Amino acid sequence: MKLRTQITLLSSILVMTILLFVDVTVHLLFVKIATRNEREVLQNKWTEIIAETGATMILKNAWGSKLKDELSADTILRVFDQQSRLLYEVSRQSRFKLNDIHFNLSQSSQLTDLQDHKILIIHLPVLSPEGNQKGTLEIVEKWDALENNLDILNTILITSTVGAMLLSLVGSTILANAILLPIASSIQTMQEIERSLKFKKIPAGSPNQDELSQMTATFNRMMERLEESFQSQQQFVSDASHELNTTLMIIEGYANMLRRWGTRDEDIRKESIESIYEETQRMRTMTQQLLTLASSQQQDSEPYERVELVGCCQQVVAHLKPVHDRQISIFTEEKEIWLDANLAKIKQLLVILLDNALKYSSEEIEIWLSTDEKDVHLRVKDYGIGIPESEIKRVFERFYRVDSSRHRKTGGTGLGLPIAKAITDAHQGTIRMESAEGEGTDVIVTLPQKQQERLSLQ
């Protein structure tokens, strides 16, 4: 069953249920109010007659002319003594018969059905002048007016209910179409995407912040991200192919040189062998970084533990100092800084940031560590050549280099900072860069101290 049909049926059933409930309520309230009003009229009328006639005269059936004036053909009077025995019955050519039916004298009033008629029964006490009850007067009135009024009321209710149901059916159809129009547009757009394999957005409707508008906006944002991811993947494959192809071309060129002249020229042979070795090492480094970048997305498999960041930085600096013979200083106001993290990944992050600073600067490197209530802040600062402000946003893209001509001199592959960002993201942190040409570069990493959800899963 289509969603449009479901909405129409459900809304129609709901409206019908509400209308039936209202109809029943109106019917019952009308009967209750009409009965109460009629009862009050009869009680006031016959209470006054009883007071004027007197208990003795009523018990002796000596009503006088008053009874003839008030008694109608639709009314029967019955008088009972104190033992609830019928003394007599009075009527004026009544159009219905009670046939010795005794109603409950303990009830002051009662509405019942008798011989296809609505019958209203009222019991009034017959009191002596001293206030003692001498008997009971039962007024039985055939209430045809109620039946007529109920017939009219029921006709009105049924007619209005049927009309309301028809209007509800039309309204439900219009409502279903209005609700499903954006959904139908979404389905059409998705089908076009499926057929053409191109990214498209759903046309934006009204600016109202309703659920359908939010769904459309969410879908369009998802399409934007998928398109960006797809383009990024294409760019990544293109860049990786270009980098690997460049390396292979260099290796091939030196191999041809070695094959032609290497046996006769010792210098050419040494140069070719050294270049081939360097390029193969560079290719090995690049492939390892590609594998690292891919595996960094699989964060669920990485064990987390309590890591002391100050000591971790000291260990990494101790390993790098002998290789580069550069001053690397650590600044912090705390002796120990703890956080939940993967120790190997944090060390790799530090190596990437420090290696990047060492490649593009010749002066001292600074590491600043600090904490606040929830996060740990790591800042690696160098005083090197810096980066143009317009290029900062792209430094975390794969294979991106500010100056592509210098990467072979420094050994860069354009994958270090993307790996650093992937590690930071895996730890639910952030990484950003501040730089100015000729002044140096700051890389600021913020990591949460606690990873409760992550630790609880291990």
Protein backbone atom coordinates (compact mmCIF):
# COMPACT_ATOMS: atom_id res chain seq x y z
CA MET A 1 0.00 0.00 0.00
CA LYS A 2 1.39 3.38 -1.01
CA LEU A 3 2.18 5.97 1.62
CA ARG A 4 -0.35 8.38 0.06
CA THR A 5 -3.12 5.79 0.51
CA GLN A 6 -2.01 5.06 4.08
CA ILE A 7 -2.09 8.75 5.02
CA THR A 8 -5.52 9.19 3.44
CA LEU A 9 -6.98 6.12 5.15
CA LEU A 10 -5.45 6.80 8.55
CA SER A 11 -6.50 10.45 8.60
CA SER A 12 -10.02 9.54 7.41
CA ILE A 13 -10.36 6.83 10.06
CA LEU A 14 -9.13 9.24 12.72
CA VAL A 15 -11.61 11.94 11.65
CA MET A 16 -14.44 9.37 11.49
CA THR A 17 -13.61 8.13 15.00
CA ILE A 18 -13.61 11.68 16.35
CA LEU A 19 -16.90 12.50 14.61
CA LEU A 20 -18.58 9.34 15.93
CA PHE A 21 -17.38 10.16 19.43
CA VAL A 22 -18.74 13.70 19.10
CA ASP A 23 -22.06 12.42 17.70
CA VAL A 24 -22.55 9.96 20.56
CA THR A 25 -21.58 12.62 23.11
CA VAL A 26 -24.02 15.17 21.62
CA HIS A 27 -26.81 12.56 21.54
CA LEU A 28 -26.31 11.53 25.17
CA LEU A 29 -25.97 15.12 26.39
CA PHE A 30 -29.13 16.14 24.53
CA VAL A 31 -31.13 13.29 26.11
CA LYS A 32 -29.73 14.08 29.55
CA ILE A 33 -30.41 17.83 29.36
CA ALA A 34 -33.87 17.41 27.79
CA THR A 35 -34.85 14.83 30.43
CA ARG A 36 -33.67 17.07 33.25
CA ASN A 37 -35.60 20.06 31.91
CA GLU A 38 -38.79 18.03 31.34
CA ARG A 39 -38.49 16.45 34.77
CA GLU A 40 -38.15 19.85 36.44
CA VAL A 41 -41.22 21.14 34.58
CA LEU A 42 -43.35 18.14 35.60
CA GLN A 43 -42.08 18.16 39.18
CA ASN A 44 -42.86 21.84 39.64
CA LYS A 45 -46.29 21.47 38.03
CA TRP A 46 -47.49 18.41 39.99
CA THR A 47 -45.89 19.48 43.27
CA GLU A 48 -48.03 22.60 43.12
CA ILE A 49 -51.15 20.52 42.29
CA ILE A 50 -50.46 18.12 45.18
CA ALA A 51 -50.12 21.05 47.57
CA GLU A 52 -53.39 22.59 46.41
CA THR A 53 -55.38 19.33 46.42
CA GLY A 54 -54.10 17.85 49.69
CA ALA A 55 -52.98 14.35 50.62
CA THR A 56 -56.38 13.21 51.90
CA MET A 57 -58.19 14.17 48.73
CA ILE A 58 -55.52 12.58 46.52
CA LEU A 59 -55.59 9.28 48.40
CA LYS A 60 -59.42 9.26 48.08
CA ASN A 61 -59.21 10.12 44.34
CA ALA A 62 -61.06 13.38 44.92
CA TRP A 63 -59.02 15.65 42.69
CA GLY A 64 -61.84 17.90 41.58
CA SER A 65 -61.79 19.98 38.39
CA LYS A 66 -58.07 20.73 38.70
CA LEU A 67 -57.15 17.26 37.49
CA LYS A 68 -59.26 17.52 34.33
CA ASP A 69 -57.55 20.77 33.36
CA GLU A 70 -53.99 19.41 33.81
CA LEU A 71 -54.33 15.76 32.74
CA SER A 72 -53.56 15.12 29.06
CA ALA A 73 -54.08 12.07 26.88
CA ASP A 74 -50.32 11.38 27.08
CA THR A 75 -50.28 11.24 30.89
CA ILE A 76 -51.26 8.53 33.37
CA LEU A 77 -51.38 9.12 37.12
CA ARG A 78 -51.00 6.28 39.60
CA VAL A 79 -51.28 6.65 43.36
CA PHE A 80 -49.61 4.24 45.79
CA ASP A 81 -50.02 3.99 49.55
CA GLN A 82 -47.23 3.79 52.10
CA GLN A 83 -46.83 0.05 51.44
CA SER A 84 -46.33 0.77 47.70
CA ARG A 85 -49.71 -0.78 46.87
CA LEU A 86 -51.53 0.67 43.87
CA LEU A 87 -54.62 2.55 45.03
CA TYR A 88 -55.89 3.73 41.69
CA GLU A 89 -54.90 4.87 38.20
CA VAL A 90 -56.17 7.97 36.44
CA SER A 91 -55.98 8.75 32.71
CA ARG A 92 -57.90 10.63 30.07
CA GLN A 93 -58.41 8.20 27.18
CA SER A 94 -54.72 7.38 27.31
CA ARG A 95 -53.10 6.35 24.04
CA PHE A 96 -50.93 3.78 25.84
CA LYS A 97 -51.47 1.22 28.62
CA LEU A 98 -49.25 0.35 31.56
CA ASN A 99 -50.83 -3.12 31.96
CA ASP A 100 -50.10 -3.33 35.70
CA ILE A 101 -46.42 -2.58 35.19
CA HIS A 102 -44.77 -1.42 38.42
CA PHE A 103 -41.83 0.88 38.16
CA ASN A 104 -39.18 1.30 40.82
CA LEU A 105 -40.72 3.67 43.39
CA SER A 106 -37.34 4.26 45.01
CA GLN A 107 -36.19 6.27 41.97
CA SER A 108 -37.38 9.86 41.78
CA SER A 109 -37.43 9.75 37.97
CA GLN A 110 -36.83 7.30 35.16
CA LEU A 111 -36.70 7.38 31.35
CA THR A 112 -37.58 4.11 29.67
CA ASP A 113 -39.06 2.59 26.52
CA LEU A 114 -42.59 1.18 26.54
CA GLN A 115 -44.59 0.03 23.51
CA ASP A 116 -42.15 1.77 21.13
CA HIS A 117 -42.54 5.03 23.02
CA LYS A 118 -40.26 7.04 25.26
CA ILE A 119 -41.82 7.09 28.73
CA LEU A 120 -40.82 9.55 31.48
CA ILE A 121 -41.76 8.43 35.00
CA ILE A 122 -41.66 10.78 37.99
CA HIS A 123 -42.42 9.86 41.61
CA LEU A 124 -43.57 12.57 44.00
CA PRO A 125 -44.36 12.09 47.70
CA VAL A 126 -47.91 12.79 48.88
CA LEU A 127 -47.45 14.66 52.16
CA SER A 128 -49.88 15.49 54.95
CA PRO A 129 -50.10 19.04 56.35
CA GLU A 130 -47.76 17.87 59.12
CA GLY A 131 -45.17 16.81 56.53
CA ASN A 132 -45.65 13.05 56.85
CA GLN A 133 -45.60 10.99 53.65
CA LYS A 134 -48.96 9.30 53.14
CA GLY A 135 -48.26 7.82 49.73
CA THR A 136 -46.60 8.29 46.33
CA LEU A 137 -47.89 9.91 43.17
CA GLU A 138 -46.48 8.41 39.98
CA ILE A 139 -46.69 10.52 36.83
CA VAL A 140 -46.14 8.50 33.65
CA GLU A 141 -45.91 10.63 30.51
CA LYS A 142 -45.49 9.46 26.95
CA TRP A 143 -42.78 11.71 25.61
CA ASP A 144 -43.20 11.76 21.85
CA ALA A 145 -41.56 15.18 21.61
CA LEU A 146 -38.25 13.67 22.70
CA GLU A 147 -38.45 11.03 19.99
CA ASN A 148 -39.21 13.64 17.37
CA ASN A 149 -36.37 15.85 18.54
CA LEU A 150 -33.99 12.88 18.61
CA ASP A 151 -34.98 11.95 15.06
CA ILE A 152 -34.24 15.48 13.90
CA LEU A 153 -30.97 15.58 15.85
CA ASN A 154 -29.83 12.19 14.53
CA THR A 155 -30.64 13.25 10.97
CA ILE A 156 -28.56 16.39 11.40
CA LEU A 157 -25.68 14.48 12.99
CA ILE A 158 -25.65 11.76 10.33
CA THR A 159 -25.83 14.29 7.50
CA SER A 160 -23.07 16.46 8.98
CA THR A 161 -20.92 13.39 9.72
CA VAL A 162 -21.21 12.08 6.17
CA GLY A 163 -20.45 15.54 4.79
CA ALA A 164 -17.50 15.94 7.13
CA MET A 165 -16.20 12.50 6.11
CA LEU A 166 -16.33 13.44 2.43
CA LEU A 167 -14.56 16.72 3.14
CA SER A 168 -12.06 14.84 5.29
CA LEU A 169 -11.38 12.41 2.45
CA VAL A 170 -10.75 15.28 0.04
CA GLY A 171 -8.67 17.14 2.63
CA SER A 172 -6.66 14.00 3.44
CA THR A 173 -5.89 13.50 -0.24
CA ILE A 174 -4.77 17.13 -0.60
CA LEU A 175 -2.72 16.86 2.61
CA ALA A 176 -1.10 13.61 1.48
CA ASN A 177 -0.17 15.16 -1.86
CA ALA A 178 1.27 18.24 -0.14
CA ILE A 179 3.31 16.12 2.27
CA LEU A 180 4.53 13.65 -0.33
CA LEU A 181 5.40 16.21 -3.01
CA PRO A 182 8.92 16.88 -1.60
CA ILE A 183 9.35 13.14 -1.01
CA ALA A 184 8.33 12.40 -4.60
CA SER A 185 10.82 15.03 -5.75
CA SER A 186 13.49 13.38 -3.59
CA ILE A 187 12.70 9.96 -5.06
CA GLN A 188 12.88 11.36 -8.59
CA THR A 189 16.24 12.98 -7.85
CA MET A 190 17.59 9.75 -6.33
CA GLN A 191 16.44 7.77 -9.35
CA GLU A 192 18.17 10.28 -11.64
CA ILE A 193 21.35 9.90 -9.58
CA GLU A 194 21.06 6.12 -9.86
CA ARG A 195 20.61 6.26 -13.65
CA SER A 196 23.16 8.95 -14.47
CA LEU A 197 25.68 8.27 -11.66
CA LYS A 198 25.94 12.03 -11.21
CA PHE A 199 25.49 13.97 -8.00
CA LYS A 200 22.36 16.13 -7.93
CA LYS A 201 20.54 18.12 -5.27
CA ILE A 202 16.86 18.16 -4.44
CA PRO A 203 15.28 21.50 -5.39
CA ALA A 204 14.80 23.50 -2.19
CA GLY A 205 11.17 24.19 -1.34
CA SER A 206 9.80 26.68 1.15
CA PRO A 207 12.22 28.21 3.64
CA ASN A 208 10.15 26.85 6.55
CA GLN A 209 12.15 24.80 9.02
CA ASP A 210 9.81 21.81 8.98
CA GLU A 211 10.82 18.15 8.91
CA LEU A 212 10.60 17.85 5.12
CA SER A 213 12.75 20.95 4.63
CA GLN A 214 15.26 19.55 7.09
CA MET A 215 15.25 16.22 5.22
CA THR A 216 15.86 18.02 1.92
CA ALA A 217 18.67 20.10 3.42
CA THR A 218 20.23 17.00 5.00
CA PHE A 219 20.08 15.10 1.70
CA ASN A 220 21.65 18.02 -0.18
CA ARG A 221 24.44 18.28 2.40
CA MET A 222 25.01 14.55 2.08
CA MET A 223 25.23 14.91 -1.71
CA GLU A 224 27.76 17.72 -1.28
CA ARG A 225 29.90 15.59 1.02
CA LEU A 226 29.65 12.56 -1.25
CA GLU A 227 30.62 14.68 -4.24
CA GLU A 228 33.53 16.20 -2.33
CA SER A 229 34.59 12.74 -1.16
CA PHE A 230 34.32 11.36 -4.69
CA GLN A 231 36.32 14.25 -6.14
CA SER A 232 38.85 13.90 -3.33
CA GLN A 233 39.17 10.20 -4.07
CA GLN A 234 39.64 10.88 -7.78
CA GLN A 235 42.22 13.54 -6.98
CA PHE A 236 43.93 11.17 -4.54
CA VAL A 237 44.16 8.39 -7.15
CA SER A 238 45.39 10.87 -9.75
CA ASP A 239 48.02 12.34 -7.41
CA ALA A 240 49.16 8.92 -6.19
CA SER A 241 49.44 7.67 -9.77
CA HIS A 242 51.38 10.78 -10.74
CA GLU A 243 53.79 10.46 -7.80
CA LEU A 244 54.41 6.77 -8.36
CA ASN A 245 54.72 7.25 -12.12
CA THR A 246 57.23 10.06 -11.62
CA THR A 247 59.36 7.84 -9.40
CA LEU A 248 59.16 4.94 -11.86
CA MET A 249 60.13 7.23 -14.74
CA ILE A 250 63.20 8.38 -12.81
CA ILE A 251 64.14 4.78 -12.01
CA GLU A 252 63.58 3.79 -15.64
CA GLY A 253 65.70 6.71 -16.88
CA TYR A 254 68.63 5.86 -14.64
CA ALA A 255 68.26 2.16 -15.48
CA ASN A 256 68.54 2.96 -19.21
CA MET A 257 71.53 5.20 -18.52
CA LEU A 258 73.11 2.42 -16.49
CA ARG A 259 72.43 -0.12 -19.24
CA ARG A 260 73.97 2.07 -21.96
CA TRP A 261 77.00 3.64 -20.30
CA GLY A 262 77.23 2.19 -16.82
CA THR A 263 79.67 -0.55 -17.73
CA ARG A 264 82.13 1.96 -19.21
CA ASP A 265 81.69 5.00 -16.95
CA GLU A 266 82.18 4.49 -13.20
CA ASP A 267 80.67 7.89 -12.28
CA ILE A 268 77.49 7.25 -14.28
CA ARG A 269 77.17 3.82 -12.68
CA LYS A 270 77.49 5.20 -9.15
CA GLU A 271 75.10 8.09 -9.85
CA SER A 272 72.51 5.77 -11.40
CA ILE A 273 72.69 3.22 -8.60
CA GLU A 274 72.45 5.92 -5.92
CA SER A 275 69.49 7.63 -7.62
CA ILE A 276 67.66 4.34 -8.16
CA TYR A 277 68.19 3.48 -4.50
CA GLU A 278 66.91 6.88 -3.33
CA GLU A 279 63.81 6.67 -5.52
CA THR A 280 63.00 3.14 -4.37
CA GLN A 281 63.37 4.29 -0.76
CA ARG A 282 61.09 7.21 -1.51
CA MET A 283 58.56 4.87 -3.13
CA ARG A 284 58.73 2.58 -0.10
CA THR A 285 58.13 5.54 2.22
CA MET A 286 55.21 6.72 0.12
CA THR A 287 53.53 3.31 0.05
CA GLN A 288 54.02 2.94 3.81
CA GLN A 289 52.42 6.33 4.36
CA LEU A 290 49.53 5.42 2.08
CA LEU A 291 48.95 2.26 4.12
CA THR A 292 49.18 4.29 7.32
CA LEU A 293 46.69 6.81 6.01
CA ALA A 294 44.26 4.04 5.06
CA SER A 295 44.64 2.17 8.35
CA SER A 296 44.13 5.36 10.36
CA GLN A 297 40.45 5.27 9.34
CA GLN A 298 40.02 1.93 11.14
CA GLN A 299 40.06 3.51 14.58
CA ASP A 300 37.85 0.89 16.23
CA SER A 301 40.73 -1.61 16.18
CA GLU A 302 43.22 0.70 17.88
CA PRO A 303 43.69 0.10 21.63
CA TYR A 304 43.49 3.19 23.84
CA GLU A 305 45.35 3.63 27.12
CA ARG A 306 46.40 6.31 29.58
CA VAL A 307 49.26 8.21 27.92
CA GLU A 308 51.57 10.69 29.64
CA LEU A 309 52.18 13.34 26.97
CA VAL A 310 55.18 15.17 28.48
CA GLY A 311 57.23 11.98 28.71
CA CYS A 312 56.07 10.93 25.25
CA CYS A 313 57.33 14.22 23.78
CA GLN A 314 60.65 13.84 25.57
CA GLN A 315 61.11 10.34 24.11
CA VAL A 316 60.37 11.49 20.54
CA VAL A 317 62.70 14.50 20.87
CA ALA A 318 65.47 12.26 22.24
CA HIS A 319 65.24 10.07 19.12
CA LEU A 320 65.22 13.00 16.67
CA LYS A 321 67.97 15.17 18.15
CA PRO A 322 70.92 12.92 17.23
CA VAL A 323 69.70 12.59 13.64
CA HIS A 324 69.09 16.27 12.92
CA ASP A 325 71.44 17.93 15.42
CA ARG A 326 68.88 20.68 16.10
CA GLN A 327 67.58 22.33 19.25
CA ILE A 328 64.06 21.10 20.14
CA SER A 329 62.67 22.61 23.36
CA ILE A 330 59.62 21.52 25.37
CA PHE A 331 57.67 24.16 27.34
CA THR A 332 55.01 23.23 29.87
CA GLU A 333 53.88 24.33 33.34
CA GLU A 334 52.93 20.79 34.36
CA LYS A 335 55.19 17.85 35.10
CA GLU A 336 52.71 15.31 33.76
CA ILE A 337 49.83 15.57 31.30
CA TRP A 338 47.62 12.51 30.95
CA LEU A 339 45.08 11.65 28.26
CA ASP A 340 43.32 8.61 26.81
CA ALA A 341 45.00 7.81 23.49
CA ASN A 342 46.81 5.29 21.33
CA LEU A 343 50.47 5.64 22.31
CA ALA A 344 51.90 4.60 18.94
CA LYS A 345 49.65 7.01 17.07
CA ILE A 346 50.50 9.92 19.38
CA LYS A 347 54.22 9.28 18.83
CA GLN A 348 53.63 9.11 15.08
CA LEU A 349 51.74 12.42 15.26
CA LEU A 350 54.65 14.07 17.09
CA VAL A 351 57.19 12.67 14.61
CA ILE A 352 55.19 14.01 11.65
CA LEU A 353 54.84 17.51 13.13
CA LEU A 354 58.48 17.71 14.22
CA ASP A 355 59.78 16.24 10.95
CA ASN A 356 57.75 18.80 9.01
CA ALA A 357 59.15 21.63 11.17
CA LEU A 358 62.73 20.33 10.80
CA LYS A 359 62.47 20.13 7.00
CA TYR A 360 61.33 23.70 6.45
CA SER A 361 63.26 25.59 9.15
CA SER A 362 66.84 25.87 10.32
CA GLU A 363 66.37 27.38 13.77
CA GLU A 364 65.06 26.10 17.10
CA ILE A 365 61.84 24.05 17.26
CA GLU A 366 59.46 24.62 20.19
CA ILE A 367 56.86 22.27 21.68
CA TRP A 368 54.26 23.90 23.94
CA LEU A 369 52.01 21.74 26.13
CA SER A 370 49.03 22.91 28.21
CA THR A 371 45.66 21.68 29.50
CA ASP A 372 42.24 23.00 30.44
CA GLU A 373 39.27 21.32 32.11
CA LYS A 374 38.57 18.89 29.26
CA ASP A 375 41.32 19.09 26.62
CA VAL A 376 45.06 18.81 26.08
CA HIS A 377 46.73 21.37 23.81
CA LEU A 378 49.89 20.59 21.81
CA ARG A 379 51.62 23.30 19.76
CA VAL A 380 54.68 22.74 17.54
CA LYS A 381 56.32 26.03 16.51
CA ASP A 382 59.12 26.64 14.05
CA TYR A 383 60.77 29.82 12.74
CA GLY A 384 61.18 28.69 9.15
CA ILE A 385 60.05 29.87 5.74
CA GLY A 386 56.35 29.81 6.60
CA ILE A 387 53.32 29.25 4.39
CA PRO A 388 51.18 31.78 2.48
CA GLU A 389 47.85 32.41 4.19
CA SER A 390 45.94 31.40 1.05
CA GLU A 391 47.54 27.94 1.14
CA ILE A 392 46.93 27.08 4.81
CA LYS A 393 43.50 25.53 4.23
CA ARG A 394 44.93 23.01 1.76
CA VAL A 395 47.95 21.76 3.66
CA PHE A 396 45.95 18.84 5.11
CA GLU A 397 44.97 17.56 1.65
CA ARG A 398 46.70 14.41 0.42
CA PHE A 399 49.78 15.02 -1.78
CA TYR A 400 49.37 18.77 -1.49
CA ARG A 401 52.60 20.77 -1.23
CA VAL A 402 52.95 24.53 -1.12
CA ASP A 403 56.02 24.37 -3.37
CA SER A 404 56.06 21.15 -5.38
CA SER A 405 59.59 21.85 -6.63
CA ARG A 406 61.14 21.50 -3.19
CA HIS A 407 59.57 18.25 -2.03
CA ARG A 408 62.24 16.01 -3.59
CA LYS A 409 65.00 18.01 -1.90
CA THR A 410 63.34 17.61 1.49
CA GLY A 411 62.03 14.09 0.89
CA GLY A 412 58.41 15.10 1.35
CA THR A 413 55.51 13.15 -0.12
CA GLY A 414 52.59 15.41 0.79
CA LEU A 415 51.12 12.75 3.08
CA GLY A 416 52.51 13.72 6.49
CA LEU A 417 49.97 16.36 7.51
CA PRO A 418 46.98 14.38 6.14
CA ILE A 419 48.11 11.45 8.31
CA ALA A 420 48.41 13.82 11.28
CA LYS A 421 44.86 15.04 10.68
CA ALA A 422 43.58 11.47 10.39
CA ILE A 423 45.21 10.58 13.73
CA THR A 424 43.73 13.69 15.36
CA ASP A 425 40.27 12.94 13.99
CA ALA A 426 40.51 9.36 15.24
CA HIS A 427 41.11 10.76 18.73
CA GLN A 428 38.10 13.11 18.40
CA GLY A 429 40.41 16.10 18.38
CA THR A 430 41.22 19.03 16.09
CA ILE A 431 44.31 20.24 14.25
CA ARG A 432 44.91 23.64 12.68
CA MET A 433 47.81 25.68 11.34
CA GLU A 434 48.85 29.30 11.77
CA SER A 435 51.65 30.62 9.58
CA ALA A 436 53.15 33.68 7.93
CA GLU A 437 55.72 33.74 5.16
CA GLY A 438 59.23 34.30 6.47
CA GLU A 439 58.12 34.17 10.13
CA GLY A 440 57.43 30.51 10.81
CA THR A 441 54.57 28.11 11.38
CA ASP A 442 52.48 26.97 14.36
CA VAL A 443 50.59 23.67 14.28
CA ILE A 444 48.02 23.47 17.12
CA VAL A 445 46.52 20.12 18.12
CA THR A 446 43.68 19.81 20.65
CA LEU A 447 42.84 16.37 22.08
CA PRO A 448 40.25 15.40 24.72
CA GLN A 449 41.64 14.15 28.01
CA LYS A 450 38.96 11.45 28.34
CA GLN A 451 37.71 8.90 25.82
CA GLN A 452 35.14 7.19 28.06
CA GLU A 453 32.97 5.77 25.29
CA ARG A 454 36.00 4.40 23.48
CA LEU A 455 37.55 2.85 26.60
CA SER A 456 34.27 1.24 27.66
CA LEU A 457 34.14 -0.72 24.39
CA GLN A 458 37.53 -2.34 24.90
